Amino acid sequence: MVDMAHFAGLVAGKVFTGDEDPVPHAHVTTTTTHKSLRGPRGGLILAQPDYADAVDRGCPMVLGGPLPHVMAAKAVALAEAAGRRSPATPSGSPTTPRPSPKVPAPRRPAGHRRH
């Protein structure tokens, strides 16, 4: 079992692949949709076929109420994480943040003295 709430965006964006991607190696994988996937507050449970029936029995399809706008927002977040642009955000955005080539040093106004 793997909880990948903090790095699900890196898995969905294919930054973590092969041995770094926990989904093919775990029987059950859980994640949130509101952290690195940048979606609405909620979660997902992914299960390998051998465990799918047990997960379905233990966790009904929707817990807390089937809110259509939240389900739609999750679909958009997952599509964007997979590299597809949302019609709502035609400019799109990178799936994962790019490291800054250089972080500038803090600047102080001219004449500023440190006390």
PDB file of N, CA and C in Angstrom:
ATOM      1  N   MET A   1       0.842  -1.169   0.000  1.00  0.00           N
ATOM      2  CA  MET A   1       0.000   0.000   0.000  1.00  0.00           C
ATOM      3  C   MET A   1       0.885   1.230   0.000  1.00  0.00           C
ATOM      4  N   VAL A   2       0.525   2.198  -0.820  1.00  0.00           N
ATOM      5  CA  VAL A   2       1.285   3.442  -0.935  1.00  0.00           C
ATOM      6  C   VAL A   2       0.326   4.620  -0.814  1.00  0.00           C
ATOM      7  N   ASP A   3       0.720   5.627  -0.040  1.00  0.00           N
ATOM      8  CA  ASP A   3       0.007   6.898  -0.016  1.00  0.00           C
ATOM      9  C   ASP A   3       0.909   7.899  -0.715  1.00  0.00           C
ATOM     10  N   MET A   4       0.505   8.355  -1.888  1.00  0.00           N
ATOM     11  CA  MET A   4       1.349   9.264  -2.663  1.00  0.00           C
ATOM     12  C   MET A   4       0.755  10.669  -2.741  1.00  0.00           C
ATOM     13  N   ALA A   5       0.104  11.099  -1.667  1.00  0.00           N
ATOM     14  CA  ALA A   5      -0.570  12.395  -1.664  1.00  0.00           C
ATOM     15  C   ALA A   5       0.360  13.551  -2.013  1.00  0.00           C
ATOM     16  N   HIS A   6       1.592  13.502  -1.535  1.00  0.00           N
ATOM     17  CA  HIS A   6       2.480  14.649  -1.725  1.00  0.00           C
ATOM     18  C   HIS A   6       3.230  14.627  -3.045  1.00  0.00           C
ATOM     19  N   PHE A   7       3.254  13.508  -3.742  1.00  0.00           N
ATOM     20  CA  PHE A   7       3.992  13.474  -5.008  1.00  0.00           C
ATOM     21  C   PHE A   7       3.165  12.902  -6.161  1.00  0.00           C
ATOM     22  N   ALA A   8       1.852  12.885  -6.023  1.00  0.00           N
ATOM     23  CA  ALA A   8       0.984  12.356  -7.083  1.00  0.00           C
ATOM     24  C   ALA A   8       1.123  13.148  -8.377  1.00  0.00           C
ATOM     25  N   GLY A   9       1.330  14.445  -8.279  1.00  0.00           N
ATOM     26  CA  GLY A   9       1.509  15.255  -9.482  1.00  0.00           C
ATOM     27  C   GLY A   9       2.746  14.861 -10.258  1.00  0.00           C
ATOM     28  N   LEU A  10       3.794  14.468  -9.551  1.00  0.00           N
ATOM     29  CA  LEU A  10       5.019  14.027 -10.221  1.00  0.00           C
ATOM     30  C   LEU A  10       4.824  12.671 -10.894  1.00  0.00           C
ATOM     31  N   VAL A  11       3.988  11.828 -10.306  1.00  0.00           N
ATOM     32  CA  VAL A  11       3.677  10.530 -10.927  1.00  0.00           C
ATOM     33  C   VAL A  11       2.798  10.758 -12.156  1.00  0.00           C
ATOM     34  N   ALA A  12       1.751  11.557 -12.007  1.00  0.00           N
ATOM     35  CA  ALA A  12       0.838  11.817 -13.122  1.00  0.00           C
ATOM     36  C   ALA A  12       1.544  12.541 -14.261  1.00  0.00           C
ATOM     37  N   GLY A  13       2.477  13.415 -13.934  1.00  0.00           N
ATOM     38  CA  GLY A  13       3.215  14.158 -14.948  1.00  0.00           C
ATOM     39  C   GLY A  13       4.379  13.398 -15.544  1.00  0.00           C
ATOM     40  N   LYS A  14       4.540  12.138 -15.162  1.00  0.00           N
ATOM     41  CA  LYS A  14       5.596  11.255 -15.673  1.00  0.00           C
ATOM     42  C   LYS A  14       7.002  11.740 -15.332  1.00  0.00           C
ATOM     43  N   VAL A  15       7.124  12.497 -14.243  1.00  0.00           N
ATOM     44  CA  VAL A  15       8.448  12.847 -13.733  1.00  0.00           C
ATOM     45  C   VAL A  15       8.994  11.642 -12.979  1.00  0.00           C
ATOM     46  N   PHE A  16       8.117  10.988 -12.213  1.00  0.00           N
ATOM     47  CA  PHE A  16       8.476   9.733 -11.548  1.00  0.00           C
ATOM     48  C   PHE A  16       8.010   8.596 -12.453  1.00  0.00           C
ATOM     49  N   THR A  17       8.950   7.833 -12.979  1.00  0.00           N
ATOM     50  CA  THR A  17       8.623   6.698 -13.841  1.00  0.00           C
ATOM     51  C   THR A  17       9.420   5.485 -13.386  1.00  0.00           C
ATOM     52  N   GLY A  18       9.118   4.344 -13.964  1.00  0.00           N
ATOM     53  CA  GLY A  18       9.867   3.131 -13.632  1.00  0.00           C
ATOM     54  C   GLY A  18       9.742   2.781 -12.165  1.00  0.00           C
ATOM     55  N   ASP A  19      10.878   2.557 -11.517  1.00  0.00           N
ATOM     56  CA  ASP A  19      10.866   2.175 -10.103  1.00  0.00           C
ATOM     57  C   ASP A  19      10.384   3.299  -9.193  1.00  0.00           C
ATOM     58  N   GLU A  20      10.439   4.551  -9.664  1.00  0.00           N
ATOM     59  CA  GLU A  20       9.976   5.677  -8.844  1.00  0.00           C
ATOM     60  C   GLU A  20       8.454   5.775  -8.811  1.00  0.00           C
ATOM     61  N   ASP A  21       7.781   5.205  -9.801  1.00  0.00           N
ATOM     62  CA  ASP A  21       6.322   5.233  -9.871  1.00  0.00           C
ATOM     63  C   ASP A  21       5.781   4.091  -9.019  1.00  0.00           C
ATOM     64  N   PRO A  22       5.083   4.399  -7.918  1.00  0.00           N
ATOM     65  CA  PRO A  22       4.642   3.332  -7.021  1.00  0.00           C
ATOM     66  C   PRO A  22       3.422   2.554  -7.507  1.00  0.00           C
ATOM     67  N   VAL A  23       2.655   3.106  -8.434  1.00  0.00           N
ATOM     68  CA  VAL A  23       1.375   2.493  -8.803  1.00  0.00           C
ATOM     69  C   VAL A  23       1.523   1.056  -9.318  1.00  0.00           C
ATOM     70  N   PRO A  24       2.460   0.758 -10.225  1.00  0.00           N
ATOM     71  CA  PRO A  24       2.562  -0.633 -10.692  1.00  0.00           C
ATOM     72  C   PRO A  24       3.049  -1.604  -9.615  1.00  0.00           C
ATOM     73  N   HIS A  25       3.689  -1.088  -8.575  1.00  0.00           N
ATOM     74  CA  HIS A  25       4.294  -1.947  -7.557  1.00  0.00           C
ATOM     75  C   HIS A  25       3.411  -2.157  -6.328  1.00  0.00           C
ATOM     76  N   ALA A  26       2.420  -1.303  -6.137  1.00  0.00           N
ATOM     77  CA  ALA A  26       1.582  -1.375  -4.933  1.00  0.00           C
ATOM     78  C   ALA A  26       0.267  -2.077  -5.240  1.00  0.00           C
ATOM     79  N   HIS A  27      -0.240  -2.812  -4.272  1.00  0.00           N
ATOM     80  CA  HIS A  27      -1.554  -3.433  -4.428  1.00  0.00           C
ATOM     81  C   HIS A  27      -2.638  -2.368  -4.392  1.00  0.00           C
ATOM     82  N   VAL A  28      -2.488  -1.408  -3.478  1.00  0.00           N
ATOM     83  CA  VAL A  28      -3.448  -0.316  -3.326  1.00  0.00           C
ATOM     84  C   VAL A  28      -2.656   0.979  -3.201  1.00  0.00           C
ATOM     85  N   THR A  29      -3.097   2.013  -3.917  1.00  0.00           N
ATOM     86  CA  THR A  29      -2.450   3.325  -3.867  1.00  0.00           C
ATOM     87  C   THR A  29      -3.513   4.361  -3.543  1.00  0.00           C
ATOM     88  N   THR A  30      -3.213   5.241  -2.597  1.00  0.00           N
ATOM     89  CA  THR A  30      -4.138   6.326  -2.264  1.00  0.00           C
ATOM     90  C   THR A  30      -3.447   7.656  -2.523  1.00  0.00           C
ATOM     91  N   THR A  31      -4.255   8.664  -2.790  1.00  0.00           N
ATOM     92  CA  THR A  31      -3.714  10.000  -2.994  1.00  0.00           C
ATOM     93  C   THR A  31      -4.818  11.022  -2.765  1.00  0.00           C
ATOM     94  N   THR A  32      -4.409  12.254  -2.623  1.00  0.00           N
ATOM     95  CA  THR A  32      -5.366  13.356  -2.561  1.00  0.00           C
ATOM     96  C   THR A  32      -5.413  14.007  -3.930  1.00  0.00           C
ATOM     97  N   THR A  33      -6.476  14.751  -4.173  1.00  0.00           N
ATOM     98  CA  THR A  33      -6.577  15.481  -5.435  1.00  0.00           C
ATOM     99  C   THR A  33      -6.263  16.960  -5.250  1.00  0.00           C
ATOM    100  N   HIS A  34      -6.054  17.389  -4.018  1.00  0.00           N
ATOM    101  CA  HIS A  34      -5.901  18.822  -3.767  1.00  0.00           C
ATOM    102  C   HIS A  34      -4.476  19.253  -3.429  1.00  0.00           C
ATOM    103  N   LYS A  35      -3.535  18.362  -3.406  1.00  0.00           N
ATOM    104  CA  LYS A  35      -2.154  18.776  -3.118  1.00  0.00           C
ATOM    105  C   LYS A  35      -1.422  18.946  -4.439  1.00  0.00           C
ATOM    106  N   SER A  36      -0.566  18.037  -4.802  1.00  0.00           N
ATOM    107  CA  SER A  36       0.233  18.233  -6.011  1.00  0.00           C
ATOM    108  C   SER A  36      -0.557  18.031  -7.302  1.00  0.00           C
ATOM    109  N   LEU A  37      -1.762  17.484  -7.247  1.00  0.00           N
ATOM    110  CA  LEU A  37      -2.590  17.385  -8.452  1.00  0.00           C
ATOM    111  C   LEU A  37      -3.355  18.679  -8.726  1.00  0.00           C
ATOM    112  N   ARG A  38      -3.371  19.598  -7.780  1.00  0.00           N
ATOM    113  CA  ARG A  38      -3.983  20.918  -7.924  1.00  0.00           C
ATOM    114  C   ARG A  38      -5.469  20.865  -8.245  1.00  0.00           C
ATOM    115  N   GLY A  39      -6.169  19.899  -7.670  1.00  0.00           N
ATOM    116  CA  GLY A  39      -7.603  19.787  -7.902  1.00  0.00           C
ATOM    117  C   GLY A  39      -8.387  20.173  -6.667  1.00  0.00           C
ATOM    118  N   PRO A  40      -9.673  19.829  -6.628  1.00  0.00           N
ATOM    119  CA  PRO A  40     -10.499  20.129  -5.462  1.00  0.00           C
ATOM    120  C   PRO A  40     -10.160  19.190  -4.311  1.00  0.00           C
ATOM    121  N   ARG A  41     -10.578  19.559  -3.123  1.00  0.00           N
ATOM    122  CA  ARG A  41     -10.316  18.716  -1.951  1.00  0.00           C
ATOM    123  C   ARG A  41     -11.018  17.378  -2.137  1.00  0.00           C
ATOM    124  N   GLY A  42     -10.243  16.322  -1.996  1.00  0.00           N
ATOM    125  CA  GLY A  42     -10.793  14.981  -2.150  1.00  0.00           C
ATOM    126  C   GLY A  42      -9.672  13.975  -2.276  1.00  0.00           C
ATOM    127  N   GLY A  43     -10.016  12.779  -2.670  1.00  0.00           N
ATOM    128  CA  GLY A  43      -9.005  11.742  -2.771  1.00  0.00           C
ATOM    129  C   GLY A  43      -9.373  10.671  -3.769  1.00  0.00           C
ATOM    130  N   LEU A  44      -8.414   9.787  -4.005  1.00  0.00           N
ATOM    131  CA  LEU A  44      -8.588   8.664  -4.921  1.00  0.00           C
ATOM    132  C   LEU A  44      -8.001   7.415  -4.290  1.00  0.00           C
ATOM    133  N   ILE A  45      -8.607   6.278  -4.587  1.00  0.00           N
ATOM    134  CA  ILE A  45      -8.047   4.987  -4.202  1.00  0.00           C
ATOM    135  C   ILE A  45      -7.880   4.187  -5.489  1.00  0.00           C
ATOM    136  N   LEU A  46      -6.660   3.802  -5.781  1.00  0.00           N
ATOM    137  CA  LEU A  46      -6.358   2.991  -6.960  1.00  0.00           C
ATOM    138  C   LEU A  46      -6.001   1.593  -6.477  1.00  0.00           C
ATOM    139  N   ALA A  47      -6.529   0.566  -7.146  1.00  0.00           N
ATOM    140  CA  ALA A  47      -6.254  -0.808  -6.716  1.00  0.00           C
ATOM    141  C   ALA A  47      -5.926  -1.679  -7.920  1.00  0.00           C
ATOM    142  N   GLN A  48      -5.010  -2.603  -7.728  1.00  0.00           N
ATOM    143  CA  GLN A  48      -4.715  -3.603  -8.750  1.00  0.00           C
ATOM    144  C   GLN A  48      -5.940  -4.510  -8.885  1.00  0.00           C
ATOM    145  N   PRO A  49      -6.120  -5.168 -10.031  1.00  0.00           N
ATOM    146  CA  PRO A  49      -7.320  -5.988 -10.254  1.00  0.00           C
ATOM    147  C   PRO A  49      -7.612  -7.006  -9.149  1.00  0.00           C
ATOM    148  N   ASP A  50      -6.590  -7.605  -8.572  1.00  0.00           N
ATOM    149  CA  ASP A  50      -6.812  -8.602  -7.517  1.00  0.00           C
ATOM    150  C   ASP A  50      -7.466  -8.006  -6.272  1.00  0.00           C
ATOM    151  N   TYR A  51      -7.331  -6.709  -6.068  1.00  0.00           N
ATOM    152  CA  TYR A  51      -7.837  -6.055  -4.859  1.00  0.00           C
ATOM    153  C   TYR A  51      -9.027  -5.136  -5.136  1.00  0.00           C
ATOM    154  N   ALA A  52      -9.399  -4.973  -6.386  1.00  0.00           N
ATOM    155  CA  ALA A  52     -10.440  -4.015  -6.749  1.00  0.00           C
ATOM    156  C   ALA A  52     -11.779  -4.325  -6.083  1.00  0.00           C
ATOM    157  N   ASP A  53     -12.192  -5.588  -6.068  1.00  0.00           N
ATOM    158  CA  ASP A  53     -13.484  -5.930  -5.453  1.00  0.00           C
ATOM    159  C   ASP A  53     -13.497  -5.612  -3.961  1.00  0.00           C
ATOM    160  N   ALA A  54     -12.411  -5.908  -3.279  1.00  0.00           N
ATOM    161  CA  ALA A  54     -12.338  -5.631  -1.836  1.00  0.00           C
ATOM    162  C   ALA A  54     -12.407  -4.132  -1.569  1.00  0.00           C
ATOM    163  N   VAL A  55     -11.721  -3.342  -2.392  1.00  0.00           N
ATOM    164  CA  VAL A  55     -11.757  -1.887  -2.220  1.00  0.00           C
ATOM    165  C   VAL A  55     -13.160  -1.373  -2.525  1.00  0.00           C
ATOM    166  N   ASP A  56     -13.783  -1.883  -3.578  1.00  0.00           N
ATOM    167  CA  ASP A  56     -15.144  -1.450  -3.917  1.00  0.00           C
ATOM    168  C   ASP A  56     -16.138  -1.763  -2.803  1.00  0.00           C
ATOM    169  N   ARG A  57     -15.984  -2.913  -2.157  1.00  0.00           N
ATOM    170  CA  ARG A  57     -16.881  -3.262  -1.050  1.00  0.00           C
ATOM    171  C   ARG A  57     -16.616  -2.388   0.179  1.00  0.00           C
ATOM    172  N   GLY A  58     -15.359  -2.082   0.423  1.00  0.00           N
ATOM    173  CA  GLY A  58     -15.004  -1.294   1.603  1.00  0.00           C
ATOM    174  C   GLY A  58     -15.241   0.187   1.440  1.00  0.00           C
ATOM    175  N   CYS A  59     -15.162   0.677   0.231  1.00  0.00           N
ATOM    176  CA  CYS A  59     -15.324   2.109  -0.052  1.00  0.00           C
ATOM    177  C   CYS A  59     -16.306   2.266  -1.198  1.00  0.00           C
ATOM    178  N   PRO A  60     -17.533   2.671  -0.915  1.00  0.00           N
ATOM    179  CA  PRO A  60     -18.480   2.891  -2.017  1.00  0.00           C
ATOM    180  C   PRO A  60     -17.919   3.915  -3.004  1.00  0.00           C
ATOM    181  N   MET A  61     -18.517   3.960  -4.195  1.00  0.00           N
ATOM    182  CA  MET A  61     -17.977   4.810  -5.257  1.00  0.00           C
ATOM    183  C   MET A  61     -17.781   6.255  -4.810  1.00  0.00           C
ATOM    184  N   VAL A  62     -18.737   6.797  -4.118  1.00  0.00           N
ATOM    185  CA  VAL A  62     -18.644   8.189  -3.693  1.00  0.00           C
ATOM    186  C   VAL A  62     -18.944   8.247  -2.202  1.00  0.00           C
ATOM    187  N   LEU A  63     -18.042   8.824  -1.455  1.00  0.00           N
ATOM    188  CA  LEU A  63     -18.266   9.022  -0.026  1.00  0.00           C
ATOM    189  C   LEU A  63     -18.535  10.497   0.208  1.00  0.00           C
ATOM    190  N   GLY A  64     -19.558  10.813   0.972  1.00  0.00           N
ATOM    191  CA  GLY A  64     -19.825  12.203   1.317  1.00  0.00           C
ATOM    192  C   GLY A  64     -20.774  12.905   0.377  1.00  0.00           C
ATOM    193  N   GLY A  65     -21.195  12.293  -0.668  1.00  0.00           N
ATOM    194  CA  GLY A  65     -22.143  12.913  -1.583  1.00  0.00           C
ATOM    195  C   GLY A  65     -21.545  13.122  -2.955  1.00  0.00           C
ATOM    196  N   PRO A  66     -22.284  12.753  -4.001  1.00  0.00           N
ATOM    197  CA  PRO A  66     -21.781  12.918  -5.363  1.00  0.00           C
ATOM    198  C   PRO A  66     -21.989  14.355  -5.851  1.00  0.00           C
ATOM    199  N   LEU A  67     -21.054  15.222  -5.578  1.00  0.00           N
ATOM    200  CA  LEU A  67     -21.168  16.620  -5.986  1.00  0.00           C
ATOM    201  C   LEU A  67     -20.635  16.753  -7.413  1.00  0.00           C
ATOM    202  N   PRO A  68     -21.520  17.004  -8.382  1.00  0.00           N
ATOM    203  CA  PRO A  68     -21.093  17.016  -9.785  1.00  0.00           C
ATOM    204  C   PRO A  68     -19.978  18.012 -10.083  1.00  0.00           C
ATOM    205  N   HIS A  69     -20.013  19.186  -9.462  1.00  0.00           N
ATOM    206  CA  HIS A  69     -18.980  20.176  -9.747  1.00  0.00           C
ATOM    207  C   HIS A  69     -17.621  19.730  -9.214  1.00  0.00           C
ATOM    208  N   VAL A  70     -17.601  18.983  -8.110  1.00  0.00           N
ATOM    209  CA  VAL A  70     -16.340  18.476  -7.566  1.00  0.00           C
ATOM    210  C   VAL A  70     -15.817  17.343  -8.443  1.00  0.00           C
ATOM    211  N   MET A  71     -16.711  16.461  -8.897  1.00  0.00           N
ATOM    212  CA  MET A  71     -16.280  15.378  -9.786  1.00  0.00           C
ATOM    213  C   MET A  71     -15.736  15.949 -11.098  1.00  0.00           C
ATOM    214  N   ALA A  72     -16.369  16.998 -11.621  1.00  0.00           N
ATOM    215  CA  ALA A  72     -15.881  17.630 -12.850  1.00  0.00           C
ATOM    216  C   ALA A  72     -14.518  18.276 -12.622  1.00  0.00           C
ATOM    217  N   ALA A  73     -14.342  18.921 -11.473  1.00  0.00           N
ATOM    218  CA  ALA A  73     -13.051  19.552 -11.167  1.00  0.00           C
ATOM    219  C   ALA A  73     -11.949  18.510 -11.025  1.00  0.00           C
ATOM    220  N   LYS A  74     -12.276  17.345 -10.460  1.00  0.00           N
ATOM    221  CA  LYS A  74     -11.285  16.261 -10.372  1.00  0.00           C
ATOM    222  C   LYS A  74     -10.904  15.776 -11.769  1.00  0.00           C
ATOM    223  N   ALA A  75     -11.890  15.655 -12.655  1.00  0.00           N
ATOM    224  CA  ALA A  75     -11.606  15.221 -14.028  1.00  0.00           C
ATOM    225  C   ALA A  75     -10.683  16.212 -14.728  1.00  0.00           C
ATOM    226  N   VAL A  76     -10.920  17.503 -14.533  1.00  0.00           N
ATOM    227  CA  VAL A  76     -10.055  18.524 -15.134  1.00  0.00           C
ATOM    228  C   VAL A  76      -8.646  18.433 -14.559  1.00  0.00           C
ATOM    229  N   ALA A  77      -8.529  18.280 -13.236  1.00  0.00           N
ATOM    230  CA  ALA A  77      -7.206  18.183 -12.606  1.00  0.00           C
ATOM    231  C   ALA A  77      -6.443  16.968 -13.123  1.00  0.00           C
ATOM    232  N   LEU A  78      -7.120  15.835 -13.270  1.00  0.00           N
ATOM    233  CA  LEU A  78      -6.451  14.632 -13.771  1.00  0.00           C
ATOM    234  C   LEU A  78      -6.054  14.788 -15.235  1.00  0.00           C
ATOM    235  N   ALA A  79      -6.908  15.420 -16.043  1.00  0.00           N
ATOM    236  CA  ALA A  79      -6.563  15.654 -17.447  1.00  0.00           C
ATOM    237  C   ALA A  79      -5.360  16.580 -17.560  1.00  0.00           C
ATOM    238  N   GLU A  80      -5.336  17.639 -16.748  1.00  0.00           N
ATOM    239  CA  GLU A  80      -4.192  18.553 -16.784  1.00  0.00           C
ATOM    240  C   GLU A  80      -2.923  17.859 -16.321  1.00  0.00           C
ATOM    241  N   ALA A  81      -3.032  17.008 -15.305  1.00  0.00           N
ATOM    242  CA  ALA A  81      -1.857  16.282 -14.819  1.00  0.00           C
ATOM    243  C   ALA A  81      -1.334  15.321 -15.880  1.00  0.00           C
ATOM    244  N   ALA A  82      -2.231  14.813 -16.719  1.00  0.00           N
ATOM    245  CA  ALA A  82      -1.824  13.900 -17.792  1.00  0.00           C
ATOM    246  C   ALA A  82      -1.268  14.656 -18.994  1.00  0.00           C
ATOM    247  N   GLY A  83      -1.228  15.982 -18.902  1.00  0.00           N
ATOM    248  CA  GLY A  83      -0.639  16.782 -19.970  1.00  0.00           C
ATOM    249  C   GLY A  83      -1.636  17.355 -20.946  1.00  0.00           C
ATOM    250  N   ARG A  84      -2.917  17.157 -20.701  1.00  0.00           N
ATOM    251  CA  ARG A  84      -3.934  17.726 -21.583  1.00  0.00           C
ATOM    252  C   ARG A  84      -4.374  19.061 -21.020  1.00  0.00           C
ATOM    253  N   ARG A  85      -4.618  20.000 -21.899  1.00  0.00           N
ATOM    254  CA  ARG A  85      -5.073  21.309 -21.432  1.00  0.00           C
ATOM    255  C   ARG A  85      -6.574  21.299 -21.241  1.00  0.00           C
ATOM    256  N   SER A  86      -6.999  22.025 -20.245  1.00  0.00           N
ATOM    257  CA  SER A  86      -8.422  22.159 -19.968  1.00  0.00           C
ATOM    258  C   SER A  86      -9.003  23.251 -20.856  1.00  0.00           C
ATOM    259  N   PRO A  87     -10.241  23.073 -21.358  1.00  0.00           N
ATOM    260  CA  PRO A  87     -10.870  24.157 -22.112  1.00  0.00           C
ATOM    261  C   PRO A  87     -11.017  25.421 -21.271  1.00  0.00           C
ATOM    262  N   ALA A  88     -11.097  25.254 -19.947  1.00  0.00           N
ATOM    263  CA  ALA A  88     -11.245  26.414 -19.063  1.00  0.00           C
ATOM    264  C   ALA A  88      -9.947  27.199 -18.938  1.00  0.00           C
ATOM    265  N   THR A  89      -8.816  26.553 -19.192  1.00  0.00           N
ATOM    266  CA  THR A  89      -7.517  27.229 -19.100  1.00  0.00           C
ATOM    267  C   THR A  89      -6.735  26.952 -20.378  1.00  0.00           C
ATOM    268  N   PRO A  90      -7.108  27.617 -21.484  1.00  0.00           N
ATOM    269  CA  PRO A  90      -6.482  27.312 -22.767  1.00  0.00           C
ATOM    270  C   PRO A  90      -4.978  27.554 -22.799  1.00  0.00           C
ATOM    271  N   SER A  91      -4.489  28.472 -21.982  1.00  0.00           N
ATOM    272  CA  SER A  91      -3.044  28.704 -21.990  1.00  0.00           C
ATOM    273  C   SER A  91      -2.300  27.542 -21.355  1.00  0.00           C
ATOM    274  N   GLY A  92      -2.979  26.813 -20.488  1.00  0.00           N
ATOM    275  CA  GLY A  92      -2.354  25.667 -19.829  1.00  0.00           C
ATOM    276  C   GLY A  92      -1.251  26.095 -18.886  1.00  0.00           C
ATOM    277  N   SER A  93      -0.651  25.139 -18.264  1.00  0.00           N
ATOM    278  CA  SER A  93       0.479  25.406 -17.385  1.00  0.00           C
ATOM    279  C   SER A  93       1.296  24.138 -17.312  1.00  0.00           C
ATOM    280  N   PRO A  94       2.580  24.252 -16.984  1.00  0.00           N
ATOM    281  CA  PRO A  94       3.383  23.037 -16.914  1.00  0.00           C
ATOM    282  C   PRO A  94       2.853  22.092 -15.842  1.00  0.00           C
ATOM    283  N   THR A  95       2.989  20.804 -16.104  1.00  0.00           N
ATOM    284  CA  THR A  95       2.513  19.810 -15.153  1.00  0.00           C
ATOM    285  C   THR A  95       3.318  19.860 -13.873  1.00  0.00           C
ATOM    286  N   THR A  96       4.607  20.087 -14.003  1.00  0.00           N
ATOM    287  CA  THR A  96       5.466  20.142 -12.829  1.00  0.00           C
ATOM    288  C   THR A  96       6.271  21.426 -12.875  1.00  0.00           C
ATOM    289  N   PRO A  97       6.567  21.990 -11.730  1.00  0.00           N
ATOM    290  CA  PRO A  97       7.343  23.228 -11.723  1.00  0.00           C
ATOM    291  C   PRO A  97       8.762  22.988 -12.208  1.00  0.00           C
ATOM    292  N   ARG A  98       9.274  23.919 -12.945  1.00  0.00           N
ATOM    293  CA  ARG A  98      10.654  23.846 -13.409  1.00  0.00           C
ATOM    294  C   ARG A  98      11.537  24.543 -12.375  1.00  0.00           C
ATOM    295  N   PRO A  99      12.700  23.990 -12.073  1.00  0.00           N
ATOM    296  CA  PRO A  99      13.570  24.669 -11.117  1.00  0.00           C
ATOM    297  C   PRO A  99      14.076  25.987 -11.697  1.00  0.00           C
ATOM    298  N   SER A 100      14.186  26.952 -10.843  1.00  0.00           N
ATOM    299  CA  SER A 100      14.691  28.250 -11.267  1.00  0.00           C
ATOM    300  C   SER A 100      16.169  28.124 -11.611  1.00  0.00           C
ATOM    301  N   PRO A 101      16.604  28.693 -12.745  1.00  0.00           N
ATOM    302  CA  PRO A 101      18.022  28.582 -13.089  1.00  0.00           C
ATOM    303  C   PRO A 101      18.918  29.300 -12.084  1.00  0.00           C
ATOM    304  N   LYS A 102      18.408  30.382 -11.523  1.00  0.00           N
ATOM    305  CA  LYS A 102      19.210  31.114 -10.550  1.00  0.00           C
ATOM    306  C   LYS A 102      18.268  31.871  -9.626  1.00  0.00           C
ATOM    307  N   VAL A 103      18.444  31.694  -8.356  1.00  0.00           N
ATOM    308  CA  VAL A 103      17.643  32.423  -7.387  1.00  0.00           C
ATOM    309  C   VAL A 103      18.394  33.707  -7.067  1.00  0.00           C
ATOM    310  N   PRO A 104      17.798  34.864  -7.354  1.00  0.00           N
ATOM    311  CA  PRO A 104      18.514  36.112  -7.104  1.00  0.00           C
ATOM    312  C   PRO A 104      18.703  36.372  -5.611  1.00  0.00           C
ATOM    313  N   ALA A 105      19.780  37.058  -5.310  1.00  0.00           N
ATOM    314  CA  ALA A 105      20.057  37.426  -3.919  1.00  0.00           C
ATOM    315  C   ALA A 105      19.055  38.496  -3.486  1.00  0.00           C
ATOM    316  N   PRO A 106      18.691  38.523  -2.204  1.00  0.00           N
ATOM    317  CA  PRO A 106      17.775  39.565  -1.736  1.00  0.00           C
ATOM    318  C   PRO A 106      18.393  40.947  -1.943  1.00  0.00           C
ATOM    319  N   ARG A 107      17.569  41.894  -2.303  1.00  0.00           N
ATOM    320  CA  ARG A 107      18.072  43.260  -2.527  1.00  0.00           C
ATOM    321  C   ARG A 107      17.517  44.183  -1.462  1.00  0.00           C
ATOM    322  N   ARG A 108      18.335  45.120  -1.086  1.00  0.00           N
ATOM    323  CA  ARG A 108      17.912  46.132  -0.117  1.00  0.00           C
ATOM    324  C   ARG A 108      17.889  47.484  -0.816  1.00  0.00           C
ATOM    325  N   PRO A 109      16.955  48.324  -0.422  1.00  0.00           N
ATOM    326  CA  PRO A 109      16.915  49.660  -1.022  1.00  0.00           C
ATOM    327  C   PRO A 109      18.227  50.403  -0.769  1.00  0.00           C
ATOM    328  N   ALA A 110      18.576  51.283  -1.696  1.00  0.00           N
ATOM    329  CA  ALA A 110      19.799  52.080  -1.541  1.00  0.00           C
ATOM    330  C   ALA A 110      19.729  52.865  -0.240  1.00  0.00           C
ATOM    331  N   GLY A 111      20.801  52.867   0.494  1.00  0.00           N
ATOM    332  CA  GLY A 111      20.873  53.589   1.750  1.00  0.00           C
ATOM    333  C   GLY A 111      20.324  52.819   2.938  1.00  0.00           C
ATOM    334  N   HIS A 112      19.812  51.635   2.720  1.00  0.00           N
ATOM    335  CA  HIS A 112      19.273  50.835   3.816  1.00  0.00           C
ATOM    336  C   HIS A 112      20.418  50.321   4.673  1.00  0.00           C
ATOM    337  N   ARG A 113      20.290  50.539   5.974  1.00  0.00           N
ATOM    338  CA  ARG A 113      21.325  50.059   6.897  1.00  0.00           C
ATOM    339  C   ARG A 113      20.743  48.976   7.761  1.00  0.00           C
ATOM    340  N   ARG A 114      21.533  48.002   8.022  1.00  0.00           N
ATOM    341  CA  ARG A 114      21.119  46.912   8.892  1.00  0.00           C
ATOM    342  C   ARG A 114      21.352  47.335  10.329  1.00  0.00           C
ATOM    343  N   HIS A 115      20.385  47.147  11.191  1.00  0.00           N
ATOM    344  CA  HIS A 115      20.523  47.549  12.600  1.00  0.00           C
ATOM    345  C   HIS A 115      20.964  46.409  13.443  1.00  0.00           C
TER     346      HIS A 115
END
